[in-house]
Amino acid sequence: QVQLVESGGGLVQAGGSLRLSCAASRNINSISDIAWYRQAPGKQRELVAGIGVRGNKHYADSVKGRFTVSRDNTKLYLQMNNLEPDDKGAYYCHGKYSTVTVWGQGTQVTVTS
């Protein structure tokens, strides 16, 4: 089994930056479909950014050029720059270990205009 724990959320003004971290209980390289999702109030959870099995990175169109996803052996990161009010929501770390899909508990991001 694997556990994912997010941190780094907070309150920031529009134009500001935050860096989210997702700590994994196992080596990140053993977890597939590693990605960040977010969910705003009243909206569906959406994919924000992820890293494929070959290390290729992918982003939602709304965050391209502003967010950067990266990882080391034990953590997944999301550097968020030039934050906009629409970026607010709960950010979740996601991964798949063997056949089990795992979610973290989420970290809240609030962006004020």
C-alpha atoms as a PDB file:
ATOM      1  CA  GLN A   1       0.000   0.000   0.000  1.00  0.00           C
ATOM      2  CA  VAL A   2       1.064   3.600  -0.434  1.00  0.00           C
ATOM      3  CA  GLN A   3       0.036   6.834   1.225  1.00  0.00           C
ATOM      4  CA  LEU A   4       0.154  10.335  -0.213  1.00  0.00           C
ATOM      5  CA  VAL A   5       0.216  13.441   1.980  1.00  0.00           C
ATOM      6  CA  GLU A   6      -0.081  16.937   0.525  1.00  0.00           C
ATOM      7  CA  SER A   7       1.193  20.173   2.045  1.00  0.00           C
ATOM      8  CA  GLY A   8       1.951  23.734   1.029  1.00  0.00           C
ATOM      9  CA  GLY A   9      -1.501  25.161   0.443  1.00  0.00           C
ATOM     10  CA  GLY A  10      -2.522  28.533   1.796  1.00  0.00           C
ATOM     11  CA  LEU A  11      -3.901  31.978   1.133  1.00  0.00           C
ATOM     12  CA  VAL A  12      -2.230  34.103  -1.524  1.00  0.00           C
ATOM     13  CA  GLN A  13      -3.047  37.189  -3.527  1.00  0.00           C
ATOM     14  CA  ALA A  14      -3.584  36.977  -7.268  1.00  0.00           C
ATOM     15  CA  GLY A  15      -0.216  37.045  -8.991  1.00  0.00           C
ATOM     16  CA  GLY A  16       1.477  35.287  -6.111  1.00  0.00           C
ATOM     17  CA  SER A  17       3.074  31.857  -5.892  1.00  0.00           C
ATOM     18  CA  LEU A  18       2.757  28.679  -3.889  1.00  0.00           C
ATOM     19  CA  ARG A  19       4.625  25.398  -3.944  1.00  0.00           C
ATOM     20  CA  LEU A  20       2.695  22.251  -3.128  1.00  0.00           C
ATOM     21  CA  SER A  21       4.360  19.039  -2.024  1.00  0.00           C
ATOM     22  CA  CYS A  22       3.070  15.489  -1.984  1.00  0.00           C
ATOM     23  CA  ALA A  23       5.008  13.090   0.193  1.00  0.00           C
ATOM     24  CA  ALA A  24       4.738   9.426  -0.715  1.00  0.00           C
ATOM     25  CA  SER A  25       5.295   6.533   1.650  1.00  0.00           C
ATOM     26  CA  ARG A  26       7.105   4.696  -1.127  1.00  0.00           C
ATOM     27  CA  ASN A  27       9.551   5.664  -3.840  1.00  0.00           C
ATOM     28  CA  ILE A  28       7.672   7.884  -6.278  1.00  0.00           C
ATOM     29  CA  ASN A  29       9.060   5.845  -9.169  1.00  0.00           C
ATOM     30  CA  SER A  30       6.991   2.871  -7.999  1.00  0.00           C
ATOM     31  CA  ILE A  31       3.781   4.904  -8.368  1.00  0.00           C
ATOM     32  CA  SER A  32       2.197   5.344 -11.783  1.00  0.00           C
ATOM     33  CA  ASP A  33      -0.197   8.034 -13.011  1.00  0.00           C
ATOM     34  CA  ILE A  34       1.276  10.449 -10.492  1.00  0.00           C
ATOM     35  CA  ALA A  35      -0.547  13.739 -10.806  1.00  0.00           C
ATOM     36  CA  TRP A  36      -2.116  16.788  -9.185  1.00  0.00           C
ATOM     37  CA  TYR A  37      -5.858  17.323  -9.339  1.00  0.00           C
ATOM     38  CA  ARG A  38      -7.950  20.142  -7.946  1.00  0.00           C
ATOM     39  CA  GLN A  39     -11.566  20.646  -7.029  1.00  0.00           C
ATOM     40  CA  ALA A  40     -13.244  24.007  -6.625  1.00  0.00           C
ATOM     41  CA  PRO A  41     -16.501  24.329  -4.653  1.00  0.00           C
ATOM     42  CA  GLY A  42     -19.420  23.091  -6.730  1.00  0.00           C
ATOM     43  CA  LYS A  43     -17.195  21.821  -9.511  1.00  0.00           C
ATOM     44  CA  GLN A  44     -15.850  18.448 -10.568  1.00  0.00           C
ATOM     45  CA  ARG A  45     -12.340  17.383  -9.735  1.00  0.00           C
ATOM     46  CA  GLU A  46     -10.017  18.149 -12.632  1.00  0.00           C
ATOM     47  CA  LEU A  47      -6.527  17.165 -13.663  1.00  0.00           C
ATOM     48  CA  VAL A  48      -4.012  19.972 -13.214  1.00  0.00           C
ATOM     49  CA  ALA A  49      -0.647  18.415 -14.013  1.00  0.00           C
ATOM     50  CA  GLY A  50       1.031  15.045 -14.052  1.00  0.00           C
ATOM     51  CA  ILE A  51       4.119  13.062 -14.936  1.00  0.00           C
ATOM     52  CA  GLY A  52       3.884  10.027 -17.181  1.00  0.00           C
ATOM     53  CA  VAL A  53       5.771   6.767 -16.804  1.00  0.00           C
ATOM     54  CA  ARG A  54       8.457   8.003 -19.200  1.00  0.00           C
ATOM     55  CA  GLY A  55       8.841  11.265 -17.350  1.00  0.00           C
ATOM     56  CA  ASN A  56       6.769  13.289 -19.785  1.00  0.00           C
ATOM     57  CA  LYS A  57       4.873  16.123 -18.139  1.00  0.00           C
ATOM     58  CA  HIS A  58       1.368  17.210 -19.029  1.00  0.00           C
ATOM     59  CA  TYR A  59      -0.721  20.170 -17.939  1.00  0.00           C
ATOM     60  CA  ALA A  60      -4.250  21.452 -18.112  1.00  0.00           C
ATOM     61  CA  ASP A  61      -4.497  24.248 -20.663  1.00  0.00           C
ATOM     62  CA  SER A  62      -5.544  26.681 -17.937  1.00  0.00           C
ATOM     63  CA  VAL A  63      -2.234  26.315 -16.063  1.00  0.00           C
ATOM     64  CA  LYS A  64       0.281  25.947 -18.885  1.00  0.00           C
ATOM     65  CA  GLY A  65       3.105  28.424 -18.546  1.00  0.00           C
ATOM     66  CA  ARG A  66       2.244  29.136 -14.899  1.00  0.00           C
ATOM     67  CA  PHE A  67       2.506  25.780 -13.117  1.00  0.00           C
ATOM     68  CA  THR A  68       5.404  23.334 -13.101  1.00  0.00           C
ATOM     69  CA  VAL A  69       5.201  19.753 -11.895  1.00  0.00           C
ATOM     70  CA  SER A  70       8.318  17.935 -10.742  1.00  0.00           C
ATOM     71  CA  ARG A  71       9.358  15.075  -8.516  1.00  0.00           C
ATOM     72  CA  ASP A  72      12.214  13.511  -6.670  1.00  0.00           C
ATOM     73  CA  ASN A  73      12.396  10.016  -5.201  1.00  0.00           C
ATOM     74  CA  THR A  74       9.903  10.654  -2.432  1.00  0.00           C
ATOM     75  CA  LYS A  75       7.880  13.721  -3.339  1.00  0.00           C
ATOM     76  CA  LEU A  76       5.797  15.199  -6.097  1.00  0.00           C
ATOM     77  CA  TYR A  77       5.784  18.982  -6.356  1.00  0.00           C
ATOM     78  CA  LEU A  78       3.641  21.627  -7.983  1.00  0.00           C
ATOM     79  CA  GLN A  79       5.142  25.073  -8.350  1.00  0.00           C
ATOM     80  CA  MET A  80       2.317  27.515  -8.985  1.00  0.00           C
ATOM     81  CA  ASN A  81       3.185  30.994 -10.206  1.00  0.00           C
ATOM     82  CA  ASN A  82       1.036  33.932 -11.227  1.00  0.00           C
ATOM     83  CA  LEU A  83      -1.929  32.459  -9.394  1.00  0.00           C
ATOM     84  CA  GLU A  84      -5.401  33.524 -10.446  1.00  0.00           C
ATOM     85  CA  PRO A  85      -8.658  33.515  -8.431  1.00  0.00           C
ATOM     86  CA  ASP A  86      -9.891  30.582 -10.558  1.00  0.00           C
ATOM     87  CA  ASP A  87      -6.985  28.491  -9.274  1.00  0.00           C
ATOM     88  CA  LYS A  88      -8.597  28.255  -5.855  1.00  0.00           C
ATOM     89  CA  GLY A  89      -9.715  24.894  -4.551  1.00  0.00           C
ATOM     90  CA  ALA A  90      -8.573  21.753  -2.847  1.00  0.00           C
ATOM     91  CA  TYR A  91      -5.510  20.254  -4.495  1.00  0.00           C
ATOM     92  CA  TYR A  92      -5.099  16.502  -4.390  1.00  0.00           C
ATOM     93  CA  CYS A  93      -2.185  14.237  -5.111  1.00  0.00           C
ATOM     94  CA  HIS A  94      -3.088  11.135  -7.114  1.00  0.00           C
ATOM     95  CA  GLY A  95      -1.263   7.980  -7.993  1.00  0.00           C
ATOM     96  CA  LYS A  96      -1.699   4.343  -8.792  1.00  0.00           C
ATOM     97  CA  TYR A  97       0.228   1.647  -6.945  1.00  0.00           C
ATOM     98  CA  SER A  98      -0.181  -1.771  -8.504  1.00  0.00           C
ATOM     99  CA  THR A  99      -3.907  -1.772  -9.296  1.00  0.00           C
ATOM    100  CA  VAL A 100      -4.926   0.530  -6.458  1.00  0.00           C
ATOM    101  CA  THR A 101      -5.717   4.196  -7.039  1.00  0.00           C
ATOM    102  CA  VAL A 102      -4.577   6.377  -4.177  1.00  0.00           C
ATOM    103  CA  TRP A 103      -5.549   9.943  -3.266  1.00  0.00           C
ATOM    104  CA  GLY A 104      -4.118  12.246  -0.674  1.00  0.00           C
ATOM    105  CA  GLN A 105      -6.335  14.155   1.745  1.00  0.00           C
ATOM    106  CA  GLY A 106      -5.900  17.425  -0.116  1.00  0.00           C
ATOM    107  CA  THR A 107      -4.479  20.840   0.626  1.00  0.00           C
ATOM    108  CA  GLN A 108      -6.485  24.032   0.262  1.00  0.00           C
ATOM    109  CA  VAL A 109      -5.446  26.895  -2.009  1.00  0.00           C
ATOM    110  CA  THR A 110      -7.211  30.239  -1.757  1.00  0.00           C
ATOM    111  CA  VAL A 111      -6.433  33.078  -4.138  1.00  0.00           C
ATOM    112  CA  THR A 112      -7.755  36.550  -3.440  1.00  0.00           C
ATOM    113  CA  SER A 113      -8.178  39.191  -6.110  1.00  0.00           C
END
